Amino acid sequence: MKAQRRQIRLTYTATGESVLAEMLDDEAPNVCNLVWDILPIETKVIHGMYSGFEVFAMLDNPKPITGENLVQLPLPGELLYFYDPSVGAVGAKKPVAELVVVYGRGVTLRAHEGVPTHCSLFARIPGDWKYDWINFAKECRKARWEGPQVLRVERA
């Protein structure tokens, strides 16, 4: 029997297109708690420049956390937490945290200037991106062609 998981809802405010994602508390408990505690958030998502079919929301007050359930080749429907203390030669020169939503195949996570990176996998949208949440994936893609889109992430 499948364990009951906490859920979060992701909604594009302009269209109301929405999905539920299941938190992976058993795989990334500390990251799940960090994300749960900062919800709800409503902010613009930006399309990734280097990684592929992913959008990300920059978070206010970035919180460092030890990486859990780290991935570099995420699958469609996976939600990730990225933290960069920005101590390298490039970047924001201040800590940065992001919530990342992967909406298509072929994503290889990359940070500033295309440098390979890893993120903590903390939640997953159930179902198939090509059949079950097509319209949500299309809304994600709009951030690539139409610019940043407002996404609300909240406890379900």
N, C-alpha and C. Protein backbone atom coordinates (compact mmCIF):
# COMPACT_ATOMS: atom_id res chain seq x y z
N MET A 1 0.84 -1.19 0.00
CA MET A 1 0.00 0.00 0.00
C MET A 1 0.88 1.25 0.00
N LYS A 2 0.54 2.18 -0.86
CA LYS A 2 1.30 3.41 -0.98
C LYS A 2 1.06 4.32 0.22
N ALA A 3 2.14 4.88 0.74
CA ALA A 3 2.04 5.80 1.87
C ALA A 3 1.33 7.08 1.45
N GLN A 4 0.57 7.64 2.37
CA GLN A 4 -0.08 8.93 2.13
C GLN A 4 0.99 10.01 2.16
N ARG A 5 1.08 10.81 1.12
CA ARG A 5 2.10 11.85 1.03
C ARG A 5 1.45 13.23 1.14
N ARG A 6 2.20 14.17 1.72
CA ARG A 6 1.75 15.57 1.69
C ARG A 6 1.76 16.01 0.23
N GLN A 7 0.87 16.94 -0.10
CA GLN A 7 0.79 17.43 -1.47
C GLN A 7 0.90 18.95 -1.50
N ILE A 8 1.44 19.42 -2.62
CA ILE A 8 1.44 20.86 -2.89
C ILE A 8 0.77 21.09 -4.23
N ARG A 9 0.14 22.24 -4.36
CA ARG A 9 -0.54 22.61 -5.61
C ARG A 9 0.27 23.71 -6.28
N LEU A 10 0.49 23.55 -7.58
CA LEU A 10 1.17 24.55 -8.40
C LEU A 10 0.14 25.09 -9.38
N THR A 11 -0.06 26.39 -9.40
CA THR A 11 -1.09 27.01 -10.23
C THR A 11 -0.53 28.22 -10.96
N TYR A 12 -0.72 28.24 -12.28
CA TYR A 12 -0.41 29.44 -13.05
C TYR A 12 -1.60 30.38 -12.89
N THR A 13 -1.36 31.55 -12.30
CA THR A 13 -2.47 32.44 -11.93
C THR A 13 -3.20 33.02 -13.13
N ALA A 14 -2.53 33.22 -14.25
CA ALA A 14 -3.17 33.83 -15.42
C ALA A 14 -4.23 32.92 -16.03
N THR A 15 -4.01 31.62 -15.99
CA THR A 15 -4.92 30.68 -16.65
C THR A 15 -5.65 29.77 -15.67
N GLY A 16 -5.14 29.65 -14.45
CA GLY A 16 -5.72 28.72 -13.48
C GLY A 16 -5.26 27.28 -13.68
N GLU A 17 -4.40 27.05 -14.68
CA GLU A 17 -3.90 25.69 -14.92
C GLU A 17 -3.09 25.24 -13.71
N SER A 18 -3.39 24.02 -13.24
CA SER A 18 -2.87 23.60 -11.95
C SER A 18 -2.58 22.10 -11.93
N VAL A 19 -1.61 21.71 -11.10
CA VAL A 19 -1.31 20.30 -10.84
C VAL A 19 -1.03 20.12 -9.36
N LEU A 20 -1.15 18.88 -8.91
CA LEU A 20 -0.75 18.51 -7.57
C LEU A 20 0.57 17.76 -7.66
N ALA A 21 1.44 17.99 -6.70
CA ALA A 21 2.70 17.25 -6.61
C ALA A 21 2.77 16.61 -5.23
N GLU A 22 3.35 15.42 -5.18
CA GLU A 22 3.50 14.69 -3.92
C GLU A 22 4.89 14.94 -3.36
N MET A 23 4.94 15.32 -2.09
CA MET A 23 6.21 15.55 -1.40
C MET A 23 6.88 14.20 -1.14
N LEU A 24 8.18 14.16 -1.29
CA LEU A 24 8.97 12.94 -1.08
C LEU A 24 9.64 12.99 0.30
N ASP A 25 8.81 13.04 1.33
CA ASP A 25 9.31 13.16 2.70
C ASP A 25 10.25 12.02 3.09
N ASP A 26 10.02 10.85 2.54
CA ASP A 26 10.87 9.70 2.88
C ASP A 26 12.23 9.76 2.19
N GLU A 27 12.36 10.56 1.15
CA GLU A 27 13.61 10.64 0.40
C GLU A 27 14.39 11.93 0.67
N ALA A 28 13.70 13.00 1.02
CA ALA A 28 14.34 14.30 1.27
C ALA A 28 13.60 15.02 2.40
N PRO A 29 13.60 14.45 3.61
CA PRO A 29 12.77 15.01 4.69
C PRO A 29 13.09 16.45 5.06
N ASN A 30 14.36 16.81 5.12
CA ASN A 30 14.72 18.17 5.53
C ASN A 30 14.37 19.20 4.47
N VAL A 31 14.61 18.86 3.21
CA VAL A 31 14.26 19.78 2.12
C VAL A 31 12.74 19.92 2.04
N CYS A 32 12.01 18.81 2.18
CA CYS A 32 10.54 18.89 2.16
C CYS A 32 10.02 19.81 3.26
N ASN A 33 10.57 19.69 4.46
CA ASN A 33 10.14 20.55 5.56
C ASN A 33 10.47 22.01 5.30
N LEU A 34 11.64 22.27 4.74
CA LEU A 34 12.02 23.65 4.41
C LEU A 34 11.02 24.24 3.42
N VAL A 35 10.73 23.51 2.34
CA VAL A 35 9.80 24.01 1.32
C VAL A 35 8.41 24.17 1.92
N TRP A 36 7.93 23.19 2.66
CA TRP A 36 6.60 23.24 3.27
C TRP A 36 6.45 24.48 4.14
N ASP A 37 7.51 24.80 4.89
CA ASP A 37 7.46 25.92 5.82
C ASP A 37 7.44 27.29 5.13
N ILE A 38 7.94 27.39 3.89
CA ILE A 38 7.94 28.70 3.22
C ILE A 38 6.67 28.93 2.39
N LEU A 39 5.83 27.89 2.27
CA LEU A 39 4.60 28.02 1.47
C LEU A 39 3.54 28.79 2.23
N PRO A 40 2.67 29.53 1.56
CA PRO A 40 2.56 29.65 0.11
C PRO A 40 3.53 30.69 -0.44
N ILE A 41 3.87 30.52 -1.71
CA ILE A 41 4.64 31.54 -2.43
C ILE A 41 3.92 31.81 -3.75
N GLU A 42 4.02 33.02 -4.21
CA GLU A 42 3.49 33.40 -5.52
C GLU A 42 4.52 34.33 -6.14
N THR A 43 5.11 33.89 -7.24
CA THR A 43 6.18 34.65 -7.86
C THR A 43 6.30 34.25 -9.32
N LYS A 44 7.07 35.01 -10.05
CA LYS A 44 7.27 34.68 -11.47
C LYS A 44 8.28 33.55 -11.61
N VAL A 45 7.97 32.64 -12.55
CA VAL A 45 8.95 31.62 -12.91
C VAL A 45 9.64 32.06 -14.19
N ILE A 46 10.90 31.69 -14.27
CA ILE A 46 11.75 32.01 -15.40
C ILE A 46 12.13 30.71 -16.07
N HIS A 47 12.23 30.71 -17.37
CA HIS A 47 12.65 29.49 -18.07
C HIS A 47 14.16 29.38 -17.99
N GLY A 48 14.65 28.17 -17.74
CA GLY A 48 16.09 27.93 -17.66
C GLY A 48 16.77 28.22 -18.99
N MET A 49 17.98 28.73 -18.92
CA MET A 49 18.76 29.05 -20.12
C MET A 49 19.66 27.88 -20.54
N TYR A 50 20.13 27.13 -19.56
CA TYR A 50 21.15 26.13 -19.83
C TYR A 50 20.66 24.69 -19.70
N SER A 51 19.64 24.45 -18.90
CA SER A 51 19.27 23.09 -18.51
C SER A 51 18.29 22.40 -19.45
N GLY A 52 17.41 23.13 -20.09
CA GLY A 52 16.41 22.51 -20.94
C GLY A 52 15.00 22.84 -20.48
N PHE A 53 14.12 21.86 -20.49
CA PHE A 53 12.70 22.06 -20.21
C PHE A 53 12.44 22.18 -18.71
N GLU A 54 12.83 23.30 -18.16
CA GLU A 54 12.60 23.56 -16.74
C GLU A 54 12.34 25.04 -16.52
N VAL A 55 11.49 25.32 -15.52
CA VAL A 55 11.26 26.68 -15.07
C VAL A 55 11.66 26.75 -13.60
N PHE A 56 12.01 27.95 -13.15
CA PHE A 56 12.39 28.07 -11.75
C PHE A 56 11.90 29.38 -11.18
N ALA A 57 11.62 29.34 -9.88
CA ALA A 57 11.20 30.51 -9.12
C ALA A 57 12.31 30.86 -8.14
N MET A 58 12.79 32.08 -8.21
CA MET A 58 13.78 32.57 -7.25
C MET A 58 13.05 32.80 -5.92
N LEU A 59 13.66 32.35 -4.83
CA LEU A 59 13.03 32.46 -3.52
C LEU A 59 13.63 33.61 -2.73
N ASP A 60 12.76 34.31 -2.00
CA ASP A 60 13.23 35.34 -1.08
C ASP A 60 13.90 34.66 0.11
N ASN A 61 14.84 35.33 0.73
CA ASN A 61 15.53 34.82 1.91
C ASN A 61 16.05 33.40 1.72
N PRO A 62 16.98 33.19 0.80
CA PRO A 62 17.51 31.85 0.51
C PRO A 62 18.01 31.15 1.78
N LYS A 63 17.61 29.91 1.93
CA LYS A 63 18.00 29.14 3.10
C LYS A 63 18.92 27.99 2.69
N PRO A 64 20.13 27.96 3.26
CA PRO A 64 21.02 26.85 2.95
C PRO A 64 20.51 25.57 3.60
N ILE A 65 20.75 24.47 2.95
CA ILE A 65 20.39 23.17 3.51
C ILE A 65 21.28 22.13 2.86
N THR A 66 21.64 21.14 3.60
CA THR A 66 22.44 20.05 3.05
C THR A 66 21.62 19.35 1.99
N GLY A 67 22.22 19.11 0.84
CA GLY A 67 21.51 18.47 -0.26
C GLY A 67 21.05 17.07 0.11
N GLU A 68 19.83 16.75 -0.28
CA GLU A 68 19.26 15.42 -0.09
C GLU A 68 18.69 14.97 -1.42
N ASN A 69 18.78 13.67 -1.69
CA ASN A 69 18.15 13.11 -2.89
C ASN A 69 18.61 13.88 -4.13
N LEU A 70 19.91 14.10 -4.24
CA LEU A 70 20.48 14.93 -5.29
C LEU A 70 20.39 14.26 -6.66
N VAL A 71 20.03 15.07 -7.66
CA VAL A 71 19.94 14.59 -9.04
C VAL A 71 20.60 15.63 -9.95
N GLN A 72 21.06 15.15 -11.10
CA GLN A 72 21.54 16.04 -12.14
C GLN A 72 20.75 15.86 -13.42
N LEU A 73 20.13 14.68 -13.58
CA LEU A 73 19.34 14.37 -14.78
C LEU A 73 17.90 14.10 -14.35
N PRO A 74 17.16 15.15 -13.97
CA PRO A 74 15.80 14.96 -13.48
C PRO A 74 14.84 14.55 -14.60
N LEU A 75 13.72 13.99 -14.19
CA LEU A 75 12.68 13.53 -15.11
C LEU A 75 11.52 14.52 -15.14
N PRO A 76 10.72 14.50 -16.19
CA PRO A 76 9.54 15.37 -16.25
C PRO A 76 8.64 15.15 -15.02
N GLY A 77 8.22 16.26 -14.43
CA GLY A 77 7.34 16.20 -13.27
C GLY A 77 8.07 16.28 -11.94
N GLU A 78 9.39 16.34 -11.97
CA GLU A 78 10.12 16.40 -10.71
C GLU A 78 10.32 17.86 -10.30
N LEU A 79 10.18 18.09 -8.98
CA LEU A 79 10.37 19.41 -8.38
C LEU A 79 11.65 19.36 -7.55
N LEU A 80 12.45 20.40 -7.69
CA LEU A 80 13.78 20.42 -7.11
C LEU A 80 14.01 21.69 -6.30
N TYR A 81 14.90 21.57 -5.32
CA TYR A 81 15.35 22.74 -4.56
C TYR A 81 16.82 22.95 -4.89
N PHE A 82 17.15 24.17 -5.32
CA PHE A 82 18.52 24.53 -5.66
C PHE A 82 18.98 25.62 -4.71
N TYR A 83 20.17 25.43 -4.14
CA TYR A 83 20.76 26.47 -3.30
C TYR A 83 22.20 26.69 -3.75
N ASP A 84 22.57 27.94 -3.92
CA ASP A 84 23.93 28.31 -4.31
C ASP A 84 24.39 29.42 -3.37
N PRO A 85 25.45 29.18 -2.59
CA PRO A 85 25.94 30.23 -1.70
C PRO A 85 26.63 31.36 -2.44
N SER A 86 26.86 31.18 -3.75
CA SER A 86 27.48 32.19 -4.61
C SER A 86 28.85 32.61 -4.12
N VAL A 87 29.71 31.62 -3.94
CA VAL A 87 31.08 31.92 -3.53
C VAL A 87 32.05 31.76 -4.70
N GLY A 88 31.55 31.39 -5.87
CA GLY A 88 32.40 31.19 -7.03
C GLY A 88 32.71 32.49 -7.76
N ALA A 89 33.43 32.37 -8.86
CA ALA A 89 33.85 33.53 -9.63
C ALA A 89 32.70 34.17 -10.40
N VAL A 90 31.64 33.40 -10.66
CA VAL A 90 30.48 33.94 -11.37
C VAL A 90 29.24 33.79 -10.51
N GLY A 91 28.18 34.44 -10.89
CA GLY A 91 26.93 34.32 -10.15
C GLY A 91 26.52 35.62 -9.51
N ALA A 92 25.58 35.52 -8.60
CA ALA A 92 24.93 36.69 -8.01
C ALA A 92 25.75 37.39 -6.94
N LYS A 93 26.80 36.74 -6.44
CA LYS A 93 27.61 37.27 -5.34
C LYS A 93 26.80 37.40 -4.05
N LYS A 94 25.69 36.70 -3.99
CA LYS A 94 24.89 36.58 -2.78
C LYS A 94 24.17 35.23 -2.88
N PRO A 95 23.77 34.66 -1.75
CA PRO A 95 23.10 33.36 -1.80
C PRO A 95 21.82 33.40 -2.65
N VAL A 96 21.58 32.30 -3.35
CA VAL A 96 20.41 32.16 -4.22
C VAL A 96 19.75 30.81 -3.94
N ALA A 97 18.42 30.81 -3.88
CA ALA A 97 17.66 29.56 -3.77
C ALA A 97 16.54 29.60 -4.79
N GLU A 98 16.25 28.43 -5.34
CA GLU A 98 15.21 28.32 -6.38
C GLU A 98 14.39 27.06 -6.17
N LEU A 99 13.11 27.16 -6.54
CA LEU A 99 12.27 25.99 -6.73
C LEU A 99 12.24 25.74 -8.23
N VAL A 100 12.53 24.52 -8.64
CA VAL A 100 12.66 24.17 -10.04
C VAL A 100 11.56 23.16 -10.40
N VAL A 101 10.90 23.38 -11.53
CA VAL A 101 9.90 22.44 -12.05
C VAL A 101 10.38 21.94 -13.41
N VAL A 102 10.56 20.64 -13.53
CA VAL A 102 10.98 20.02 -14.78
C VAL A 102 9.72 19.58 -15.51
N TYR A 103 9.54 20.03 -16.76
CA TYR A 103 8.30 19.74 -17.47
C TYR A 103 8.51 18.98 -18.78
N GLY A 104 9.72 18.59 -19.08
CA GLY A 104 9.97 17.84 -20.31
C GLY A 104 11.23 16.99 -20.17
N ARG A 105 11.52 16.23 -21.20
CA ARG A 105 12.67 15.32 -21.18
C ARG A 105 13.96 16.02 -21.58
N GLY A 106 15.06 15.33 -21.29
CA GLY A 106 16.37 15.79 -21.74
C GLY A 106 16.99 16.88 -20.91
N VAL A 107 16.52 17.08 -19.68
CA VAL A 107 17.06 18.13 -18.82
C VAL A 107 18.36 17.65 -18.17
N THR A 108 19.38 18.47 -18.27
CA THR A 108 20.63 18.28 -17.55
C THR A 108 20.84 19.56 -16.75
N LEU A 109 20.84 19.44 -15.44
CA LEU A 109 20.91 20.63 -14.60
C LEU A 109 22.25 21.34 -14.72
N ARG A 110 22.15 22.65 -14.97
CA ARG A 110 23.34 23.48 -15.10
C ARG A 110 23.10 24.80 -14.37
N ALA A 111 24.16 25.29 -13.78
CA ALA A 111 24.11 26.56 -13.05
C ALA A 111 24.67 27.66 -13.95
N HIS A 112 25.22 28.70 -13.34
CA HIS A 112 25.78 29.83 -14.07
C HIS A 112 26.76 29.37 -15.14
N GLU A 113 26.68 29.98 -16.29
CA GLU A 113 27.57 29.72 -17.40
C GLU A 113 27.58 28.26 -17.84
N GLY A 114 26.50 27.54 -17.55
CA GLY A 114 26.37 26.16 -18.01
C GLY A 114 27.16 25.13 -17.20
N VAL A 115 27.62 25.50 -16.01
CA VAL A 115 28.38 24.58 -15.17
C VAL A 115 27.44 23.51 -14.62
N PRO A 116 27.79 22.22 -14.76
CA PRO A 116 26.93 21.16 -14.24
C PRO A 116 26.68 21.32 -12.74
N THR A 117 25.46 21.02 -12.31
CA THR A 117 25.11 21.14 -10.90
C THR A 117 24.12 20.05 -10.53
N HIS A 118 23.83 19.95 -9.25
CA HIS A 118 22.84 19.01 -8.72
C HIS A 118 21.82 19.79 -7.91
N CYS A 119 20.60 19.25 -7.84
CA CYS A 119 19.54 19.83 -7.02
C CYS A 119 18.89 18.73 -6.19
N SER A 120 18.24 19.13 -5.12
CA SER A 120 17.53 18.18 -4.26
C SER A 120 16.14 17.92 -4.80
N LEU A 121 15.88 16.68 -5.14
CA LEU A 121 14.55 16.25 -5.60
C LEU A 121 13.67 16.08 -4.37
N PHE A 122 12.58 16.89 -4.29
CA PHE A 122 11.74 16.86 -3.10
C PHE A 122 10.27 16.57 -3.37
N ALA A 123 9.84 16.60 -4.62
CA ALA A 123 8.43 16.34 -4.93
C ALA A 123 8.31 15.87 -6.37
N ARG A 124 7.16 15.25 -6.67
CA ARG A 124 6.93 14.73 -8.02
C ARG A 124 5.45 14.89 -8.39
N ILE A 125 5.23 15.34 -9.62
CA ILE A 125 3.87 15.41 -10.17
C ILE A 125 3.55 14.02 -10.69
N PRO A 126 2.51 13.37 -10.16
CA PRO A 126 2.20 12.03 -10.65
C PRO A 126 1.64 12.05 -12.07
N GLY A 127 1.80 10.94 -12.75
CA GLY A 127 1.27 10.83 -14.10
C GLY A 127 2.33 11.14 -15.14
N ASP A 128 1.88 11.12 -16.37
CA ASP A 128 2.77 11.29 -17.51
C ASP A 128 2.63 12.69 -18.09
N TRP A 129 3.74 13.35 -18.30
CA TRP A 129 3.76 14.72 -18.83
C TRP A 129 3.17 14.81 -20.22
N LYS A 130 3.19 13.73 -20.99
CA LYS A 130 2.67 13.76 -22.36
C LYS A 130 1.16 13.46 -22.43
N TYR A 131 0.60 12.95 -21.33
CA TYR A 131 -0.81 12.56 -21.36
C TYR A 131 -1.64 13.13 -20.20
N ASP A 132 -1.04 13.23 -19.02
CA ASP A 132 -1.82 13.56 -17.83
C ASP A 132 -1.80 15.04 -17.45
N TRP A 133 -0.71 15.73 -17.75
CA TRP A 133 -0.66 17.17 -17.40
C TRP A 133 -0.06 17.99 -18.54
N ILE A 134 -0.60 17.75 -19.72
CA ILE A 134 -0.17 18.41 -20.95
C ILE A 134 -0.30 19.93 -20.85
N ASN A 135 -1.46 20.39 -20.38
CA ASN A 135 -1.71 21.84 -20.34
C ASN A 135 -0.80 22.55 -19.34
N PHE A 136 -0.49 21.88 -18.24
CA PHE A 136 0.44 22.49 -17.28
C PHE A 136 1.83 22.62 -17.92
N ALA A 137 2.26 21.60 -18.64
CA ALA A 137 3.55 21.66 -19.34
C ALA A 137 3.55 22.80 -20.37
N LYS A 138 2.44 23.00 -21.06
CA LYS A 138 2.34 24.10 -22.02
C LYS A 138 2.47 25.45 -21.33
N GLU A 139 1.88 25.56 -20.13
CA GLU A 139 2.00 26.82 -19.38
C GLU A 139 3.45 27.05 -18.97
N CYS A 140 4.16 25.99 -18.59
CA CYS A 140 5.58 26.12 -18.27
C CYS A 140 6.35 26.63 -19.49
N ARG A 141 6.04 26.08 -20.64
CA ARG A 141 6.75 26.44 -21.88
C ARG A 141 6.56 27.91 -22.24
N LYS A 142 5.41 28.49 -21.84
CA LYS A 142 5.16 29.91 -22.12
C LYS A 142 6.25 30.81 -21.56
N ALA A 143 6.85 30.39 -20.44
CA ALA A 143 7.91 31.22 -19.85
C ALA A 143 9.11 31.33 -20.78
N ARG A 144 9.26 30.38 -21.68
CA ARG A 144 10.36 30.42 -22.64
C ARG A 144 10.07 31.42 -23.75
N TRP A 145 8.84 31.42 -24.25
CA TRP A 145 8.50 32.22 -25.43
C TRP A 145 7.82 33.54 -25.12
N GLU A 146 7.13 33.60 -23.97
CA GLU A 146 6.37 34.82 -23.64
C GLU A 146 6.93 35.57 -22.44
N GLY A 147 7.96 35.04 -21.81
CA GLY A 147 8.55 35.69 -20.65
C GLY A 147 8.03 35.10 -19.35
N PRO A 148 8.54 35.59 -18.22
CA PRO A 148 8.18 35.05 -16.92
C PRO A 148 6.66 34.99 -16.69
N GLN A 149 6.23 33.91 -16.06
CA GLN A 149 4.81 33.67 -15.76
C GLN A 149 4.65 33.54 -14.25
N VAL A 150 3.52 34.03 -13.70
CA VAL A 150 3.30 33.97 -12.25
C VAL A 150 2.78 32.58 -11.87
N LEU A 151 3.48 31.97 -10.92
CA LEU A 151 3.12 30.64 -10.40
C LEU A 151 2.89 30.75 -8.90
N ARG A 152 1.79 30.16 -8.44
CA ARG A 152 1.52 30.06 -7.01
C ARG A 152 1.78 28.62 -6.59
N VAL A 153 2.53 28.47 -5.51
CA VAL A 153 2.81 27.15 -4.93
C VAL A 153 2.29 27.19 -3.51
N GLU A 154 1.40 26.23 -3.18
CA GLU A 154 0.78 26.24 -1.86
C GLU A 154 0.52 24.82 -1.38
N ARG A 155 0.29 24.71 -0.09
CA ARG A 155 -0.07 23.42 0.50
C ARG A 155 -1.44 23.01 -0.02
N ALA A 156 -1.60 21.73 -0.31
CA ALA A 156 -2.90 21.25 -0.80
C ALA A 156 -3.64 20.53 0.31
